């Protein structure tokens, strides 16, 4: 995560990891998931079965 960057404090690292996890689950578009983020895909499929 911090390759090539200066070392940071625990709190800064924790914030960067939380930001990345949020991006990974809510913003990242995955082609296998019909070009949706994982969260959007789950919401979409749950609406189809309801």
PDB file of N, CA and C in Angstrom:
ATOM      1  N   UNK A   1       0.822  -1.190   0.000  1.00  0.00           N
ATOM      2  CA  UNK A   1       0.000   0.000   0.000  1.00  0.00           C
ATOM      3  C   UNK A   1       0.866   1.255   0.000  1.00  0.00           C
ATOM      4  N   UNK A   2       1.958   1.214   0.686  1.00  0.00           N
ATOM      5  CA  UNK A   2       2.789   2.408   0.814  1.00  0.00           C
ATOM      6  C   UNK A   2       4.102   2.276   0.067  1.00  0.00           C
ATOM      7  N   UNK A   3       4.153   1.478  -0.956  1.00  0.00           N
ATOM      8  CA  UNK A   3       5.388   1.282  -1.696  1.00  0.00           C
ATOM      9  C   UNK A   3       5.838   2.590  -2.321  1.00  0.00           C
ATOM     10  N   UNK A   4       7.049   2.967  -2.029  1.00  0.00           N
ATOM     11  CA  UNK A   4       7.595   4.194  -2.592  1.00  0.00           C
ATOM     12  C   UNK A   4       7.199   5.451  -1.842  1.00  0.00           C
ATOM     13  N   UNK A   5       6.445   5.311  -0.767  1.00  0.00           N
ATOM     14  CA  UNK A   5       6.044   6.469   0.025  1.00  0.00           C
ATOM     15  C   UNK A   5       6.794   6.469   1.346  1.00  0.00           C
ATOM     16  N   UNK A   6       6.826   7.607   1.983  1.00  0.00           N
ATOM     17  CA  UNK A   6       7.452   7.709   3.292  1.00  0.00           C
ATOM     18  C   UNK A   6       6.623   6.937   4.308  1.00  0.00           C
ATOM     19  N   UNK A   7       7.289   6.512   5.375  1.00  0.00           N
ATOM     20  CA  UNK A   7       6.567   5.825   6.442  1.00  0.00           C
ATOM     21  C   UNK A   7       5.579   6.782   7.089  1.00  0.00           C
ATOM     22  N   UNK A   8       4.481   6.234   7.570  1.00  0.00           N
ATOM     23  CA  UNK A   8       3.478   7.081   8.195  1.00  0.00           C
ATOM     24  C   UNK A   8       3.100   6.499   9.558  1.00  0.00           C
ATOM     25  N   UNK A   9       2.320   7.250  10.310  1.00  0.00           N
ATOM     26  CA  UNK A   9       1.902   6.794  11.632  1.00  0.00           C
ATOM     27  C   UNK A   9       0.831   5.717  11.484  1.00  0.00           C
ATOM     28  N   UNK A  10       0.565   5.046  12.589  1.00  0.00           N
ATOM     29  CA  UNK A  10      -0.472   4.009  12.610  1.00  0.00           C
ATOM     30  C   UNK A  10      -1.819   4.587  12.206  1.00  0.00           C
ATOM     31  N   UNK A  11      -2.166   5.744  12.724  1.00  0.00           N
ATOM     32  CA  UNK A  11      -3.462   6.357  12.417  1.00  0.00           C
ATOM     33  C   UNK A  11      -3.577   6.705  10.932  1.00  0.00           C
ATOM     34  N   UNK A  12      -2.503   7.221  10.353  1.00  0.00           N
ATOM     35  CA  UNK A  12      -2.519   7.536   8.924  1.00  0.00           C
ATOM     36  C   UNK A  12      -2.664   6.266   8.089  1.00  0.00           C
ATOM     37  N   UNK A  13      -1.945   5.218   8.466  1.00  0.00           N
ATOM     38  CA  UNK A  13      -2.040   3.947   7.758  1.00  0.00           C
ATOM     39  C   UNK A  13      -3.443   3.365   7.875  1.00  0.00           C
ATOM     40  N   UNK A  14      -4.019   3.425   9.062  1.00  0.00           N
ATOM     41  CA  UNK A  14      -5.378   2.927   9.288  1.00  0.00           C
ATOM     42  C   UNK A  14      -6.375   3.670   8.399  1.00  0.00           C
ATOM     43  N   UNK A  15      -6.241   4.984   8.309  1.00  0.00           N
ATOM     44  CA  UNK A  15      -7.137   5.793   7.474  1.00  0.00           C
ATOM     45  C   UNK A  15      -6.980   5.432   5.997  1.00  0.00           C
ATOM     46  N   UNK A  16      -5.718   5.221   5.539  1.00  0.00           N
ATOM     47  CA  UNK A  16      -5.488   4.842   4.145  1.00  0.00           C
ATOM     48  C   UNK A  16      -6.109   3.485   3.835  1.00  0.00           C
ATOM     49  N   UNK A  17      -5.996   2.552   4.757  1.00  0.00           N
ATOM     50  CA  UNK A  17      -6.575   1.219   4.546  1.00  0.00           C
ATOM     51  C   UNK A  17      -8.096   1.300   4.500  1.00  0.00           C
ATOM     52  N   UNK A  18      -8.698   2.057   5.407  1.00  0.00           N
ATOM     53  CA  UNK A  18     -10.157   2.219   5.408  1.00  0.00           C
ATOM     54  C   UNK A  18     -10.637   2.872   4.110  1.00  0.00           C
ATOM     55  N   UNK A  19      -9.906   3.864   3.630  1.00  0.00           N
ATOM     56  CA  UNK A  19     -10.256   4.530   2.380  1.00  0.00           C
ATOM     57  C   UNK A  19     -10.187   3.547   1.215  1.00  0.00           C
ATOM     58  N   UNK A  20      -9.140   2.727   1.193  1.00  0.00           N
ATOM     59  CA  UNK A  20      -8.984   1.745   0.120  1.00  0.00           C
ATOM     60  C   UNK A  20     -10.089   0.693   0.161  1.00  0.00           C
ATOM     61  N   UNK A  21     -10.433   0.205   1.342  1.00  0.00           N
ATOM     62  CA  UNK A  21     -11.508  -0.785   1.459  1.00  0.00           C
ATOM     63  C   UNK A  21     -12.821  -0.194   0.979  1.00  0.00           C
ATOM     64  N   UNK A  22     -13.085   1.062   1.330  1.00  0.00           N
ATOM     65  CA  UNK A  22     -14.300   1.727   0.856  1.00  0.00           C
ATOM     66  C   UNK A  22     -14.300   1.824  -0.666  1.00  0.00           C
ATOM     67  N   UNK A  23     -13.179   2.232  -1.243  1.00  0.00           N
ATOM     68  CA  UNK A  23     -13.074   2.293  -2.702  1.00  0.00           C
ATOM     69  C   UNK A  23     -13.295   0.912  -3.317  1.00  0.00           C
ATOM     70  N   UNK A  24     -12.643  -0.094  -2.763  1.00  0.00           N
ATOM     71  CA  UNK A  24     -12.685  -1.446  -3.316  1.00  0.00           C
ATOM     72  C   UNK A  24     -14.111  -1.996  -3.333  1.00  0.00           C
ATOM     73  N   UNK A  25     -14.896  -1.687  -2.319  1.00  0.00           N
ATOM     74  CA  UNK A  25     -16.251  -2.223  -2.228  1.00  0.00           C
ATOM     75  C   UNK A  25     -17.312  -1.363  -2.899  1.00  0.00           C
ATOM     76  N   UNK A  26     -17.104  -0.055  -2.988  1.00  0.00           N
ATOM     77  CA  UNK A  26     -18.184   0.810  -3.466  1.00  0.00           C
ATOM     78  C   UNK A  26     -17.916   1.509  -4.794  1.00  0.00           C
ATOM     79  N   UNK A  27     -16.677   1.702  -5.163  1.00  0.00           N
ATOM     80  CA  UNK A  27     -16.377   2.480  -6.365  1.00  0.00           C
ATOM     81  C   UNK A  27     -15.787   1.650  -7.508  1.00  0.00           C
ATOM     82  N   UNK A  28     -15.038   0.624  -7.160  1.00  0.00           N
ATOM     83  CA  UNK A  28     -14.311  -0.179  -8.161  1.00  0.00           C
ATOM     84  C   UNK A  28     -15.301  -0.911  -9.060  1.00  0.00           C
ATOM     85  N   UNK A  29     -15.170  -0.718 -10.357  1.00  0.00           N
ATOM     86  CA  UNK A  29     -16.059  -1.374 -11.324  1.00  0.00           C
ATOM     87  C   UNK A  29     -15.413  -2.683 -11.758  1.00  0.00           C
ATOM     88  N   UNK A  30     -16.191  -3.738 -11.711  1.00  0.00           N
ATOM     89  CA  UNK A  30     -15.701  -5.062 -12.059  1.00  0.00           C
ATOM     90  C   UNK A  30     -16.461  -5.554 -13.273  1.00  0.00           C
ATOM     91  N   UNK A  31     -15.757  -5.937 -14.325  1.00  0.00           N
ATOM     92  CA  UNK A  31     -16.403  -6.372 -15.558  1.00  0.00           C
ATOM     93  C   UNK A  31     -17.233  -7.634 -15.327  1.00  0.00           C
ATOM     94  N   UNK A  32     -16.759  -8.546 -14.483  1.00  0.00           N
ATOM     95  CA  UNK A  32     -17.495  -9.784 -14.206  1.00  0.00           C
ATOM     96  C   UNK A  32     -18.823  -9.523 -13.506  1.00  0.00           C
ATOM     97  N   UNK A  33     -18.947  -8.358 -12.877  1.00  0.00           N
ATOM     98  CA  UNK A  33     -20.177  -8.010 -12.166  1.00  0.00           C
ATOM     99  C   UNK A  33     -21.029  -7.056 -12.987  1.00  0.00           C
ATOM    100  N   UNK A  34     -21.066  -7.280 -14.269  1.00  0.00           N
ATOM    101  CA  UNK A  34     -21.871  -6.462 -15.186  1.00  0.00           C
ATOM    102  C   UNK A  34     -21.466  -4.992 -15.120  1.00  0.00           C
ATOM    103  N   UNK A  35     -20.165  -4.736 -14.994  1.00  0.00           N
ATOM    104  CA  UNK A  35     -19.599  -3.376 -14.919  1.00  0.00           C
ATOM    105  C   UNK A  35     -20.175  -2.565 -13.775  1.00  0.00           C
ATOM    106  N   UNK A  36     -20.404  -3.229 -12.650  1.00  0.00           N
ATOM    107  CA  UNK A  36     -20.886  -2.554 -11.435  1.00  0.00           C
ATOM    108  C   UNK A  36     -19.889  -2.799 -10.314  1.00  0.00           C
ATOM    109  N   UNK A  37     -19.967  -1.967  -9.279  1.00  0.00           N
ATOM    110  CA  UNK A  37     -19.156  -2.208  -8.092  1.00  0.00           C
ATOM    111  C   UNK A  37     -19.778  -3.385  -7.335  1.00  0.00           C
ATOM    112  N   UNK A  38     -19.029  -4.037  -6.453  1.00  0.00           N
ATOM    113  CA  UNK A  38     -19.591  -5.156  -5.704  1.00  0.00           C
ATOM    114  C   UNK A  38     -20.857  -4.798  -4.921  1.00  0.00           C
ATOM    115  N   UNK A  39     -20.878  -3.642  -4.295  1.00  0.00           N
ATOM    116  CA  UNK A  39     -22.058  -3.232  -3.533  1.00  0.00           C
ATOM    117  C   UNK A  39     -23.252  -3.010  -4.463  1.00  0.00           C
ATOM    118  N   UNK A  40     -23.040  -2.310  -5.576  1.00  0.00           N
ATOM    119  CA  UNK A  40     -24.133  -2.068  -6.518  1.00  0.00           C
ATOM    120  C   UNK A  40     -24.659  -3.374  -7.105  1.00  0.00           C
ATOM    121  N   UNK A  41     -23.760  -4.299  -7.370  1.00  0.00           N
ATOM    122  CA  UNK A  41     -24.164  -5.590  -7.929  1.00  0.00           C
ATOM    123  C   UNK A  41     -25.049  -6.353  -6.937  1.00  0.00           C
ATOM    124  N   UNK A  42     -24.650  -6.364  -5.673  1.00  0.00           N
ATOM    125  CA  UNK A  42     -25.466  -7.044  -4.654  1.00  0.00           C
ATOM    126  C   UNK A  42     -26.830  -6.389  -4.518  1.00  0.00           C
ATOM    127  N   UNK A  43     -26.867  -5.062  -4.548  1.00  0.00           N
ATOM    128  CA  UNK A  43     -28.157  -4.374  -4.466  1.00  0.00           C
ATOM    129  C   UNK A  43     -29.020  -4.688  -5.686  1.00  0.00           C
ATOM    130  N   UNK A  44     -28.404  -4.691  -6.838  1.00  0.00           N
ATOM    131  CA  UNK A  44     -29.123  -4.969  -8.088  1.00  0.00           C
ATOM    132  C   UNK A  44     -29.709  -6.400  -8.084  1.00  0.00           C
ATOM    133  N   UNK A  45     -28.898  -7.363  -7.712  1.00  0.00           N
ATOM    134  CA  UNK A  45     -29.373  -8.760  -7.719  1.00  0.00           C
ATOM    135  C   UNK A  45     -30.411  -9.002  -6.627  1.00  0.00           C
ATOM    136  N   UNK A  46     -30.304  -8.309  -5.494  1.00  0.00           N
ATOM    137  CA  UNK A  46     -31.312  -8.496  -4.435  1.00  0.00           C
ATOM    138  C   UNK A  46     -32.649  -7.893  -4.854  1.00  0.00           C
ATOM    139  N   UNK A  47     -32.633  -6.849  -5.678  1.00  0.00           N
ATOM    140  CA  UNK A  47     -33.880  -6.247  -6.162  1.00  0.00           C
ATOM    141  C   UNK A  47     -34.545  -7.145  -7.195  1.00  0.00           C
ATOM    142  N   UNK A  48     -33.766  -7.921  -7.931  1.00  0.00           N
ATOM    143  CA  UNK A  48     -34.321  -8.833  -8.924  1.00  0.00           C
ATOM    144  C   UNK A  48     -35.053  -9.997  -8.286  1.00  0.00           C
ATOM    145  N   UNK A  49     -34.585 -10.454  -7.138  1.00  0.00           N
ATOM    146  CA  UNK A  49     -35.198 -11.599  -6.477  1.00  0.00           C
ATOM    147  C   UNK A  49     -36.315 -11.198  -5.537  1.00  0.00           C
ATOM    148  N   UNK A  50     -36.431  -9.925  -5.211  1.00  0.00           N
ATOM    149  CA  UNK A  50     -37.468  -9.484  -4.259  1.00  0.00           C
ATOM    150  C   UNK A  50     -38.805  -9.301  -4.920  1.00  0.00           C
TER     151      UNK A  50
END
